[in-house]
Amino acid sequence: MIKSYIKLDKVEKSLVCDFVNRNIEEKKTLNEVDEMFNNKVYDYGNGALFYFRSGKVLGRINIVLEVAQQLGTTYIHFLDIEDSSNEKEMIIKNLIEEAITIANLYNAKEIYLGERNEDRLKLLEKLGFHIDYRAIRMYLEDRDKKIECLDLIPLTQENKQEYQRVYNDSFSDMPHGSYVDIDGVQEYLKKADEENYYFFVSYNSINIGFMDCTIKNGEGSFDIGLCKPYRGRGFGRMLLETAIEFLNKKEVNKIGLLVIERNSVAYNMYKKRGFKVDSIFSNWIKLK
């Protein structure tokens, strides 16, 4: 039986908590598990699915539904199966089928499944699901400044609506892009600190894109995007240099990023600038 988190009773939620905690040292409380699944990302539990059998949870899968209707795309991830089960293939197949059904209810035109675990990838291969592309971790070797940078304007309460417009124009049509509503921008404002930075990028006093940076344990990473009218005009290289220069000034030990392999324009730009492939972060399968 497959049930979404929103439909679970207290006993079933306790079983979900046991399943989540089974292989981790720092156990999560029921409230922490509730926060994991009963949130906006999964449409408050509709996109968190659990496979029950004989009073136990044997598997789960999550569907990102927060911006499904705006993007026309849903991403399925966090597939997890009980190691001792001898019905792994059947459980995976049923969870994926139910996840696709729910994604279709949200009018998803494209559906993607992400997976990192090699054993589960082999099971997915046996079921006929094949990797279409990868998300790749890259690190920069040559950090010397190459070209002119753009101006940075921090996100504030006063300009948050403009940030929302620029972010969505820059990023919503990218492979694995995203969409942010005004509540999401407000969350960015709450998170902004010495580890999380949110900016417009500006050229001649015109906002042409965005740059978000994260610094953690001495490592800096970033997301960047250009508004559609400014693509193909050399601003992408300037924006990339702006992110590198910002993190250089923060004196981080390493500068890294994640890039979607099929975003060939960005991938090739990063390689040309000197970013080197470090590892495969995740593998993605197109389901629809």
C-alpha atoms as a PDB file:
ATOM      1  CA  MET A   1       0.000   0.000   0.000  1.00  0.00           C
ATOM      2  CA  ILE A   2       1.285   3.448  -0.931  1.00  0.00           C
ATOM      3  CA  LYS A   3       0.135   6.489   1.031  1.00  0.00           C
ATOM      4  CA  SER A   4       1.090  10.151   0.900  1.00  0.00           C
ATOM      5  CA  TYR A   5       2.305  11.800   4.090  1.00  0.00           C
ATOM      6  CA  ILE A   6      -0.733  14.056   4.255  1.00  0.00           C
ATOM      7  CA  LYS A   7      -2.961  10.971   4.677  1.00  0.00           C
ATOM      8  CA  LEU A   8      -0.972   9.241   7.427  1.00  0.00           C
ATOM      9  CA  ASP A   9      -2.281   8.773  10.951  1.00  0.00           C
ATOM     10  CA  LYS A  10      -0.095   9.122  14.066  1.00  0.00           C
ATOM     11  CA  VAL A  11       0.905   5.460  14.106  1.00  0.00           C
ATOM     12  CA  GLU A  12       1.917   5.542  10.446  1.00  0.00           C
ATOM     13  CA  LYS A  13       3.901   8.731  10.971  1.00  0.00           C
ATOM     14  CA  SER A  14       5.757   6.994  13.774  1.00  0.00           C
ATOM     15  CA  LEU A  15       6.590   4.148  11.381  1.00  0.00           C
ATOM     16  CA  VAL A  16       7.864   6.713   8.866  1.00  0.00           C
ATOM     17  CA  CYS A  17      10.066   8.175  11.597  1.00  0.00           C
ATOM     18  CA  ASP A  18      11.502   4.715  12.304  1.00  0.00           C
ATOM     19  CA  PHE A  19      12.203   4.227   8.599  1.00  0.00           C
ATOM     20  CA  VAL A  20      13.968   7.598   8.265  1.00  0.00           C
ATOM     21  CA  ASN A  21      16.089   6.927  11.372  1.00  0.00           C
ATOM     22  CA  ARG A  22      17.049   3.347  10.594  1.00  0.00           C
ATOM     23  CA  ASN A  23      20.468   4.101   9.087  1.00  0.00           C
ATOM     24  CA  ILE A  24      21.475   7.395  10.693  1.00  0.00           C
ATOM     25  CA  GLU A  25      23.293   8.113  13.956  1.00  0.00           C
ATOM     26  CA  GLU A  26      21.631  11.410  14.839  1.00  0.00           C
ATOM     27  CA  LYS A  27      18.005  10.342  15.113  1.00  0.00           C
ATOM     28  CA  LYS A  28      15.274  12.747  14.073  1.00  0.00           C
ATOM     29  CA  THR A  29      12.270  13.499  16.233  1.00  0.00           C
ATOM     30  CA  LEU A  30       8.700  13.144  15.006  1.00  0.00           C
ATOM     31  CA  ASN A  31       8.508  16.926  14.678  1.00  0.00           C
ATOM     32  CA  GLU A  32      11.687  17.020  12.577  1.00  0.00           C
ATOM     33  CA  VAL A  33      10.364  14.259  10.328  1.00  0.00           C
ATOM     34  CA  ASP A  34       7.104  16.178   9.987  1.00  0.00           C
ATOM     35  CA  GLU A  35       9.089  19.220   8.831  1.00  0.00           C
ATOM     36  CA  MET A  36      10.856  17.043   6.235  1.00  0.00           C
ATOM     37  CA  PHE A  37       7.656  16.030   4.488  1.00  0.00           C
ATOM     38  CA  ASN A  38       4.889  18.434   5.509  1.00  0.00           C
ATOM     39  CA  ASN A  39       6.238  21.470   3.704  1.00  0.00           C
ATOM     40  CA  LYS A  40       5.728  23.654   0.659  1.00  0.00           C
ATOM     41  CA  VAL A  41       8.286  21.788  -1.481  1.00  0.00           C
ATOM     42  CA  TYR A  42       6.141  18.630  -1.428  1.00  0.00           C
ATOM     43  CA  ASP A  43       2.838  20.529  -1.338  1.00  0.00           C
ATOM     44  CA  TYR A  44       2.465  19.857   2.364  1.00  0.00           C
ATOM     45  CA  GLY A  45       2.731  16.082   2.182  1.00  0.00           C
ATOM     46  CA  ASN A  46       1.027  15.332  -1.117  1.00  0.00           C
ATOM     47  CA  GLY A  47       4.392  14.701  -2.755  1.00  0.00           C
ATOM     48  CA  ALA A  48       5.896  12.479  -0.041  1.00  0.00           C
ATOM     49  CA  LEU A  49       4.977   8.816  -0.701  1.00  0.00           C
ATOM     50  CA  PHE A  50       5.525   5.769   1.509  1.00  0.00           C
ATOM     51  CA  TYR A  51       5.187   2.068   0.766  1.00  0.00           C
ATOM     52  CA  PHE A  52       3.661   0.134   3.686  1.00  0.00           C
ATOM     53  CA  ARG A  53       3.650  -3.621   4.138  1.00  0.00           C
ATOM     54  CA  SER A  54       2.858  -5.651   7.289  1.00  0.00           C
ATOM     55  CA  GLY A  55       3.097  -2.724   9.690  1.00  0.00           C
ATOM     56  CA  LYS A  56       6.390  -1.402   8.296  1.00  0.00           C
ATOM     57  CA  VAL A  57       7.571   1.210   5.843  1.00  0.00           C
ATOM     58  CA  LEU A  58       9.567  -0.519   3.116  1.00  0.00           C
ATOM     59  CA  GLY A  59      10.188   2.432   0.801  1.00  0.00           C
ATOM     60  CA  ARG A  60       9.636   6.093   0.076  1.00  0.00           C
ATOM     61  CA  ILE A  61       9.946   8.627  -2.710  1.00  0.00           C
ATOM     62  CA  ASN A  62       9.484  12.420  -2.861  1.00  0.00           C
ATOM     63  CA  ILE A  63       8.045  14.609  -5.617  1.00  0.00           C
ATOM     64  CA  VAL A  64       8.909  18.306  -5.831  1.00  0.00           C
ATOM     65  CA  LEU A  65       5.507  19.900  -6.430  1.00  0.00           C
ATOM     66  CA  GLU A  66       6.123  23.448  -5.182  1.00  0.00           C
ATOM     67  CA  VAL A  67       6.569  24.991  -8.628  1.00  0.00           C
ATOM     68  CA  ALA A  68       5.263  22.192 -10.852  1.00  0.00           C
ATOM     69  CA  GLN A  69       2.533  24.288 -12.425  1.00  0.00           C
ATOM     70  CA  GLN A  70       4.788  27.315 -13.021  1.00  0.00           C
ATOM     71  CA  LEU A  71       7.609  25.279 -14.598  1.00  0.00           C
ATOM     72  CA  GLY A  72       5.609  22.437 -16.117  1.00  0.00           C
ATOM     73  CA  THR A  73       8.223  20.115 -14.618  1.00  0.00           C
ATOM     74  CA  THR A  74       8.412  17.889 -11.554  1.00  0.00           C
ATOM     75  CA  TYR A  75      11.509  16.328 -10.034  1.00  0.00           C
ATOM     76  CA  ILE A  76      11.316  13.025  -8.182  1.00  0.00           C
ATOM     77  CA  HIS A  77      14.070  12.244  -5.690  1.00  0.00           C
ATOM     78  CA  PHE A  78      15.030  10.623  -2.394  1.00  0.00           C
ATOM     79  CA  LEU A  79      14.040   7.142  -3.488  1.00  0.00           C
ATOM     80  CA  ASP A  80      14.812   4.920  -0.490  1.00  0.00           C
ATOM     81  CA  ILE A  81      14.146   1.201  -0.054  1.00  0.00           C
ATOM     82  CA  GLU A  82      14.520  -1.047   2.986  1.00  0.00           C
ATOM     83  CA  ASP A  83      17.772  -2.975   2.489  1.00  0.00           C
ATOM     84  CA  SER A  84      16.379  -6.264   3.800  1.00  0.00           C
ATOM     85  CA  SER A  85      13.421  -6.325   1.409  1.00  0.00           C
ATOM     86  CA  ASN A  86      13.458  -9.043  -1.241  1.00  0.00           C
ATOM     87  CA  GLU A  87      10.917  -7.113  -3.342  1.00  0.00           C
ATOM     88  CA  LYS A  88      12.976  -4.013  -4.115  1.00  0.00           C
ATOM     89  CA  GLU A  89      12.206  -3.928  -7.830  1.00  0.00           C
ATOM     90  CA  MET A  90       8.469  -4.214  -7.283  1.00  0.00           C
ATOM     91  CA  ILE A  91       8.494  -1.528  -4.583  1.00  0.00           C
ATOM     92  CA  ILE A  92      10.512   0.859  -6.776  1.00  0.00           C
ATOM     93  CA  LYS A  93       8.244   0.254  -9.757  1.00  0.00           C
ATOM     94  CA  ASN A  94       5.082   0.927  -7.752  1.00  0.00           C
ATOM     95  CA  LEU A  95       6.487   4.045  -6.075  1.00  0.00           C
ATOM     96  CA  ILE A  96       7.580   5.506  -9.409  1.00  0.00           C
ATOM     97  CA  GLU A  97       4.213   4.758 -11.018  1.00  0.00           C
ATOM     98  CA  GLU A  98       2.371   6.467  -8.159  1.00  0.00           C
ATOM     99  CA  ALA A  99       4.768   9.424  -8.280  1.00  0.00           C
ATOM    100  CA  ILE A 100       4.107   9.847 -12.004  1.00  0.00           C
ATOM    101  CA  THR A 101       0.356   9.716 -11.383  1.00  0.00           C
ATOM    102  CA  ILE A 102       0.599  12.510  -8.829  1.00  0.00           C
ATOM    103  CA  ALA A 103       2.918  14.584 -11.039  1.00  0.00           C
ATOM    104  CA  ASN A 104       0.370  14.312 -13.840  1.00  0.00           C
ATOM    105  CA  LEU A 105      -2.324  15.645 -11.528  1.00  0.00           C
ATOM    106  CA  TYR A 106      -0.183  18.783 -11.249  1.00  0.00           C
ATOM    107  CA  ASN A 107      -0.084  19.027 -15.068  1.00  0.00           C
ATOM    108  CA  ALA A 108       3.587  18.123 -15.338  1.00  0.00           C
ATOM    109  CA  LYS A 109       4.758  18.162 -18.941  1.00  0.00           C
ATOM    110  CA  GLU A 110       8.151  16.732 -17.978  1.00  0.00           C
ATOM    111  CA  ILE A 111       9.044  14.396 -15.107  1.00  0.00           C
ATOM    112  CA  TYR A 112      12.585  13.567 -14.007  1.00  0.00           C
ATOM    113  CA  LEU A 113      13.909  11.085 -11.454  1.00  0.00           C
ATOM    114  CA  GLY A 114      17.212  11.747  -9.702  1.00  0.00           C
ATOM    115  CA  GLU A 115      19.353   9.021  -8.143  1.00  0.00           C
ATOM    116  CA  ARG A 116      22.883   8.810  -6.677  1.00  0.00           C
ATOM    117  CA  ASN A 117      22.998   5.342  -5.146  1.00  0.00           C
ATOM    118  CA  GLU A 118      24.746   2.815  -7.422  1.00  0.00           C
ATOM    119  CA  ASP A 119      22.731  -0.173  -6.207  1.00  0.00           C
ATOM    120  CA  ARG A 120      19.431   1.591  -6.854  1.00  0.00           C
ATOM    121  CA  LEU A 121      20.679   2.725 -10.252  1.00  0.00           C
ATOM    122  CA  LYS A 122      21.276  -0.930 -11.140  1.00  0.00           C
ATOM    123  CA  LEU A 123      17.744  -1.803 -10.034  1.00  0.00           C
ATOM    124  CA  LEU A 124      16.344   1.082 -12.072  1.00  0.00           C
ATOM    125  CA  GLU A 125      18.336  -0.155 -15.082  1.00  0.00           C
ATOM    126  CA  LYS A 126      16.780  -3.608 -14.704  1.00  0.00           C
ATOM    127  CA  LEU A 127      13.356  -1.972 -14.704  1.00  0.00           C
ATOM    128  CA  GLY A 128      14.142  -0.222 -17.981  1.00  0.00           C
ATOM    129  CA  PHE A 129      15.028   3.218 -16.618  1.00  0.00           C
ATOM    130  CA  HIS A 130      18.224   4.615 -18.133  1.00  0.00           C
ATOM    131  CA  ILE A 131      20.320   7.647 -17.190  1.00  0.00           C
ATOM    132  CA  ASP A 132      19.713  10.596 -19.515  1.00  0.00           C
ATOM    133  CA  TYR A 133      22.146  13.117 -18.019  1.00  0.00           C
ATOM    134  CA  ARG A 134      24.078  14.004 -14.880  1.00  0.00           C
ATOM    135  CA  ALA A 135      24.587  16.837 -12.430  1.00  0.00           C
ATOM    136  CA  ILE A 136      28.322  17.417 -12.163  1.00  0.00           C
ATOM    137  CA  ARG A 137      30.415  18.906  -9.366  1.00  0.00           C
ATOM    138  CA  MET A 138      33.215  21.153 -10.675  1.00  0.00           C
ATOM    139  CA  TYR A 139      36.009  23.103  -8.972  1.00  0.00           C
ATOM    140  CA  LEU A 140      38.041  26.059 -10.187  1.00  0.00           C
ATOM    141  CA  GLU A 141      41.831  25.867 -10.409  1.00  0.00           C
ATOM    142  CA  ASP A 142      42.852  29.257 -11.876  1.00  0.00           C
ATOM    143  CA  ARG A 143      41.234  31.920  -9.694  1.00  0.00           C
ATOM    144  CA  ASP A 144      43.027  34.970 -11.151  1.00  0.00           C
ATOM    145  CA  LYS A 145      40.687  37.645 -12.484  1.00  0.00           C
ATOM    146  CA  LYS A 146      40.235  37.423 -16.271  1.00  0.00           C
ATOM    147  CA  ILE A 147      37.700  40.025 -17.381  1.00  0.00           C
ATOM    148  CA  GLU A 148      35.557  42.911 -16.154  1.00  0.00           C
ATOM    149  CA  CYS A 149      32.980  42.159 -13.472  1.00  0.00           C
ATOM    150  CA  LEU A 150      29.390  43.326 -13.104  1.00  0.00           C
ATOM    151  CA  ASP A 151      27.940  45.385 -10.254  1.00  0.00           C
ATOM    152  CA  LEU A 152      26.299  43.611  -7.318  1.00  0.00           C
ATOM    153  CA  ILE A 153      23.153  44.866  -5.575  1.00  0.00           C
ATOM    154  CA  PRO A 154      22.135  42.996  -2.398  1.00  0.00           C
ATOM    155  CA  LEU A 155      18.603  41.698  -1.989  1.00  0.00           C
ATOM    156  CA  THR A 156      16.592  43.861   0.442  1.00  0.00           C
ATOM    157  CA  GLN A 157      13.027  44.231   1.618  1.00  0.00           C
ATOM    158  CA  GLU A 158      12.683  47.217  -0.711  1.00  0.00           C
ATOM    159  CA  ASN A 159      13.751  45.432  -3.895  1.00  0.00           C
ATOM    160  CA  LYS A 160      12.453  41.918  -3.242  1.00  0.00           C
ATOM    161  CA  GLN A 161       9.759  42.076  -5.933  1.00  0.00           C
ATOM    162  CA  GLU A 162      12.334  43.133  -8.506  1.00  0.00           C
ATOM    163  CA  TYR A 163      14.565  40.255  -7.365  1.00  0.00           C
ATOM    164  CA  GLN A 164      11.666  37.847  -7.880  1.00  0.00           C
ATOM    165  CA  ARG A 165      11.130  39.147 -11.419  1.00  0.00           C
ATOM    166  CA  VAL A 166      14.822  38.969 -12.338  1.00  0.00           C
ATOM    167  CA  TYR A 167      15.311  35.520 -10.790  1.00  0.00           C
ATOM    168  CA  ASN A 168      12.344  33.995 -12.603  1.00  0.00           C
ATOM    169  CA  ASP A 169      13.239  35.601 -15.929  1.00  0.00           C
ATOM    170  CA  SER A 170      16.806  34.305 -15.541  1.00  0.00           C
ATOM    171  CA  PHE A 171      16.290  30.818 -14.187  1.00  0.00           C
ATOM    172  CA  SER A 172      12.806  29.427 -14.785  1.00  0.00           C
ATOM    173  CA  ASP A 173      13.587  28.204 -18.323  1.00  0.00           C
ATOM    174  CA  MET A 174      16.965  26.621 -17.535  1.00  0.00           C
ATOM    175  CA  PRO A 175      17.540  22.851 -17.344  1.00  0.00           C
ATOM    176  CA  HIS A 176      16.733  22.128 -13.702  1.00  0.00           C
ATOM    177  CA  GLY A 177      15.824  25.756 -13.317  1.00  0.00           C
ATOM    178  CA  SER A 178      13.571  27.034 -10.606  1.00  0.00           C
ATOM    179  CA  TYR A 179      10.833  29.520  -9.852  1.00  0.00           C
ATOM    180  CA  VAL A 180      10.509  31.607  -6.706  1.00  0.00           C
ATOM    181  CA  ASP A 181       7.384  33.286  -5.346  1.00  0.00           C
ATOM    182  CA  ILE A 182       7.462  36.296  -3.077  1.00  0.00           C
ATOM    183  CA  ASP A 183       7.274  34.104   0.034  1.00  0.00           C
ATOM    184  CA  GLY A 184      10.355  32.276  -1.197  1.00  0.00           C
ATOM    185  CA  VAL A 185      12.202  35.573  -1.633  1.00  0.00           C
ATOM    186  CA  GLN A 186      11.210  36.475   1.902  1.00  0.00           C
ATOM    187  CA  GLU A 187      12.815  33.223   3.071  1.00  0.00           C
ATOM    188  CA  TYR A 188      16.007  34.216   1.253  1.00  0.00           C
ATOM    189  CA  LEU A 189      15.995  37.480   3.190  1.00  0.00           C
ATOM    190  CA  LYS A 190      15.711  35.546   6.445  1.00  0.00           C
ATOM    191  CA  LYS A 191      18.605  33.264   5.450  1.00  0.00           C
ATOM    192  CA  ALA A 192      20.945  36.042   4.268  1.00  0.00           C
ATOM    193  CA  ASP A 193      24.051  36.097   6.481  1.00  0.00           C
ATOM    194  CA  GLU A 194      27.805  35.513   6.283  1.00  0.00           C
ATOM    195  CA  GLU A 195      27.182  32.133   4.626  1.00  0.00           C
ATOM    196  CA  ASN A 196      24.286  32.950   2.281  1.00  0.00           C
ATOM    197  CA  TYR A 197      24.275  35.878  -0.140  1.00  0.00           C
ATOM    198  CA  TYR A 198      21.620  37.020  -2.630  1.00  0.00           C
ATOM    199  CA  PHE A 199      22.269  39.665  -5.300  1.00  0.00           C
ATOM    200  CA  PHE A 200      21.087  41.288  -8.474  1.00  0.00           C
ATOM    201  CA  VAL A 201      23.802  41.754 -11.066  1.00  0.00           C
ATOM    202  CA  SER A 202      23.722  45.099 -12.806  1.00  0.00           C
ATOM    203  CA  TYR A 203      25.272  46.626 -15.939  1.00  0.00           C
ATOM    204  CA  ASN A 204      25.005  50.377 -16.535  1.00  0.00           C
ATOM    205  CA  SER A 205      22.450  50.531 -13.686  1.00  0.00           C
ATOM    206  CA  ILE A 206      20.217  47.902 -15.359  1.00  0.00           C
ATOM    207  CA  ASN A 207      19.473  44.664 -13.501  1.00  0.00           C
ATOM    208  CA  ILE A 208      20.381  41.926 -15.970  1.00  0.00           C
ATOM    209  CA  GLY A 209      20.527  38.810 -13.769  1.00  0.00           C
ATOM    210  CA  PHE A 210      21.083  37.349 -10.327  1.00  0.00           C
ATOM    211  CA  MET A 211      23.887  35.763  -8.308  1.00  0.00           C
ATOM    212  CA  ASP A 212      23.444  33.709  -5.146  1.00  0.00           C
ATOM    213  CA  CYS A 213      26.484  32.486  -3.194  1.00  0.00           C
ATOM    214  CA  THR A 214      26.914  30.058  -0.314  1.00  0.00           C
ATOM    215  CA  ILE A 215      30.015  29.687   1.857  1.00  0.00           C
ATOM    216  CA  LYS A 216      30.293  26.623   4.050  1.00  0.00           C
ATOM    217  CA  ASN A 217      33.342  25.125   5.757  1.00  0.00           C
ATOM    218  CA  GLY A 218      35.609  27.380   3.728  1.00  0.00           C
ATOM    219  CA  GLU A 219      34.135  26.360   0.373  1.00  0.00           C
ATOM    220  CA  GLY A 220      32.249  28.812  -1.816  1.00  0.00           C
ATOM    221  CA  SER A 221      29.620  27.885  -4.412  1.00  0.00           C
ATOM    222  CA  PHE A 222      27.153  29.878  -6.481  1.00  0.00           C
ATOM    223  CA  ASP A 223      24.103  29.980  -8.746  1.00  0.00           C
ATOM    224  CA  ILE A 224      23.979  32.561 -11.519  1.00  0.00           C
ATOM    225  CA  GLY A 225      21.459  33.470 -14.200  1.00  0.00           C
ATOM    226  CA  LEU A 226      20.915  36.085 -16.906  1.00  0.00           C
ATOM    227  CA  CYS A 227      17.618  37.601 -17.989  1.00  0.00           C
ATOM    228  CA  LYS A 228      16.662  36.486 -21.483  1.00  0.00           C
ATOM    229  CA  PRO A 229      17.398  39.779 -23.345  1.00  0.00           C
ATOM    230  CA  TYR A 230      21.028  39.725 -22.141  1.00  0.00           C
ATOM    231  CA  ARG A 231      22.016  36.221 -23.165  1.00  0.00           C
ATOM    232  CA  GLY A 232      24.479  35.592 -25.973  1.00  0.00           C
ATOM    233  CA  ARG A 233      26.100  39.014 -25.559  1.00  0.00           C
ATOM    234  CA  GLY A 234      29.125  38.160 -23.398  1.00  0.00           C
ATOM    235  CA  PHE A 235      27.439  38.957 -20.095  1.00  0.00           C
ATOM    236  CA  GLY A 236      27.519  35.310 -19.026  1.00  0.00           C
ATOM    237  CA  ARG A 237      31.313  35.336 -18.816  1.00  0.00           C
ATOM    238  CA  MET A 238      31.211  38.627 -16.906  1.00  0.00           C
ATOM    239  CA  LEU A 239      28.632  37.228 -14.504  1.00  0.00           C
ATOM    240  CA  LEU A 240      30.744  34.120 -13.919  1.00  0.00           C
ATOM    241  CA  GLU A 241      33.793  36.295 -13.227  1.00  0.00           C
ATOM    242  CA  THR A 242      31.724  38.373 -10.810  1.00  0.00           C
ATOM    243  CA  ALA A 243      30.886  35.279  -8.758  1.00  0.00           C
ATOM    244  CA  ILE A 244      34.516  34.134  -8.737  1.00  0.00           C
ATOM    245  CA  GLU A 245      35.776  37.587  -7.732  1.00  0.00           C
ATOM    246  CA  PHE A 246      33.196  37.847  -4.929  1.00  0.00           C
ATOM    247  CA  LEU A 247      34.280  34.511  -3.455  1.00  0.00           C
ATOM    248  CA  ASN A 248      37.961  35.399  -3.892  1.00  0.00           C
ATOM    249  CA  LYS A 249      37.367  38.497  -1.795  1.00  0.00           C
ATOM    250  CA  LYS A 250      35.756  36.285   0.836  1.00  0.00           C
ATOM    251  CA  GLU A 251      39.028  34.284   0.854  1.00  0.00           C
ATOM    252  CA  VAL A 252      37.367  30.899   0.511  1.00  0.00           C
ATOM    253  CA  ASN A 253      39.618  27.846   0.223  1.00  0.00           C
ATOM    254  CA  LYS A 254      37.780  26.373  -2.776  1.00  0.00           C
ATOM    255  CA  ILE A 255      35.324  27.603  -5.396  1.00  0.00           C
ATOM    256  CA  GLY A 256      32.905  25.027  -6.755  1.00  0.00           C
ATOM    257  CA  LEU A 257      29.598  24.676  -8.518  1.00  0.00           C
ATOM    258  CA  LEU A 258      27.009  22.212  -9.727  1.00  0.00           C
ATOM    259  CA  VAL A 259      26.110  22.150 -13.399  1.00  0.00           C
ATOM    260  CA  ILE A 260      23.545  20.139 -15.299  1.00  0.00           C
ATOM    261  CA  GLU A 261      25.321  18.262 -18.075  1.00  0.00           C
ATOM    262  CA  ARG A 262      22.655  19.022 -20.662  1.00  0.00           C
ATOM    263  CA  ASN A 263      22.986  22.756 -20.012  1.00  0.00           C
ATOM    264  CA  SER A 264      25.773  22.753 -22.588  1.00  0.00           C
ATOM    265  CA  VAL A 265      26.162  26.543 -22.782  1.00  0.00           C
ATOM    266  CA  ALA A 266      26.907  26.851 -19.059  1.00  0.00           C
ATOM    267  CA  TYR A 267      28.918  23.621 -18.902  1.00  0.00           C
ATOM    268  CA  ASN A 268      31.216  24.674 -21.746  1.00  0.00           C
ATOM    269  CA  MET A 269      31.592  28.185 -20.315  1.00  0.00           C
ATOM    270  CA  TYR A 270      32.689  26.771 -16.963  1.00  0.00           C
ATOM    271  CA  LYS A 271      35.191  24.407 -18.582  1.00  0.00           C
ATOM    272  CA  LYS A 272      36.635  27.216 -20.692  1.00  0.00           C
ATOM    273  CA  ARG A 273      37.081  29.361 -17.563  1.00  0.00           C
ATOM    274  CA  GLY A 274      39.074  26.584 -15.888  1.00  0.00           C
ATOM    275  CA  PHE A 275      36.567  24.626 -13.830  1.00  0.00           C
ATOM    276  CA  LYS A 276      37.470  20.930 -13.676  1.00  0.00           C
ATOM    277  CA  VAL A 277      35.077  18.023 -13.232  1.00  0.00           C
ATOM    278  CA  ASP A 278      35.408  16.595  -9.731  1.00  0.00           C
ATOM    279  CA  SER A 279      32.575  14.094  -9.384  1.00  0.00           C
ATOM    280  CA  ILE A 280      29.079  13.070 -10.416  1.00  0.00           C
ATOM    281  CA  PHE A 281      26.675  14.635  -7.939  1.00  0.00           C
ATOM    282  CA  SER A 282      23.526  12.920  -9.225  1.00  0.00           C
ATOM    283  CA  ASN A 283      22.118  11.016 -12.196  1.00  0.00           C
ATOM    284  CA  TRP A 284      18.818  11.912 -13.849  1.00  0.00           C
ATOM    285  CA  ILE A 285      16.288   9.796 -15.714  1.00  0.00           C
ATOM    286  CA  LYS A 286      13.551  11.324 -17.855  1.00  0.00           C
ATOM    287  CA  LEU A 287      10.236   9.621 -17.077  1.00  0.00           C
ATOM    288  CA  LYS A 288       8.055  11.849 -19.264  1.00  0.00           C
END
